[in-house]
């Protein structure tokens, strides 16, 4: 969970733990504000 990688949507280094938090926030905004949700894919 503490390994780092470059986030494909935001373009900066983050941990898997932080990436899960970011995806939860993006999903929440999608459900509340109807913005486009782009899932995190690493492969």
Protein backbone atom coordinates (compact mmCIF):
# COMPACT_ATOMS: atom_id res chain seq x y z
CA UNK A 1 0.00 0.00 0.00
CA UNK A 2 2.96 2.33 0.50
CA UNK A 3 4.59 1.67 -2.89
CA UNK A 4 4.54 4.66 -5.19
CA UNK A 5 3.56 4.96 -8.84
CA UNK A 6 2.66 7.74 -11.25
CA UNK A 7 -1.08 8.38 -11.16
CA UNK A 8 -2.36 8.15 -14.77
CA UNK A 9 -5.09 10.78 -14.33
CA UNK A 10 -3.25 13.39 -12.23
CA UNK A 11 0.30 12.69 -13.41
CA UNK A 12 2.12 12.79 -10.09
CA UNK A 13 3.65 10.20 -7.76
CA UNK A 14 1.31 8.77 -5.13
CA UNK A 15 0.92 5.68 -3.01
CA UNK A 16 -1.73 3.04 -3.60
CA UNK A 17 -3.33 4.19 -0.33
CA UNK A 18 -3.60 7.77 -1.64
CA UNK A 19 -4.84 6.53 -5.03
CA UNK A 20 -7.74 4.68 -3.37
CA UNK A 21 -8.65 7.86 -1.49
CA UNK A 22 -8.51 9.90 -4.71
CA UNK A 23 -10.71 7.40 -6.56
CA UNK A 24 -13.28 7.46 -3.74
CA UNK A 25 -13.42 11.25 -3.96
CA UNK A 26 -13.74 11.16 -7.76
CA UNK A 27 -16.56 8.60 -7.52
CA UNK A 28 -18.31 10.74 -4.91
CA UNK A 29 -18.11 13.80 -7.18
CA UNK A 30 -19.40 11.71 -10.08
CA UNK A 31 -22.44 10.64 -8.07
CA UNK A 32 -23.15 14.11 -6.65
CA UNK A 33 -22.18 16.44 -9.50
CA UNK A 34 -22.38 14.15 -12.52
CA UNK A 35 -18.78 14.75 -13.62
CA UNK A 36 -17.17 12.04 -15.74
CA UNK A 37 -15.61 9.26 -13.65
CA UNK A 38 -12.38 7.78 -15.01
CA UNK A 39 -11.44 4.55 -13.22
CA UNK A 40 -7.87 3.86 -12.16
CA UNK A 41 -6.23 1.26 -14.38
CA UNK A 42 -2.59 0.37 -13.93
CA UNK A 43 -2.08 -2.23 -16.65
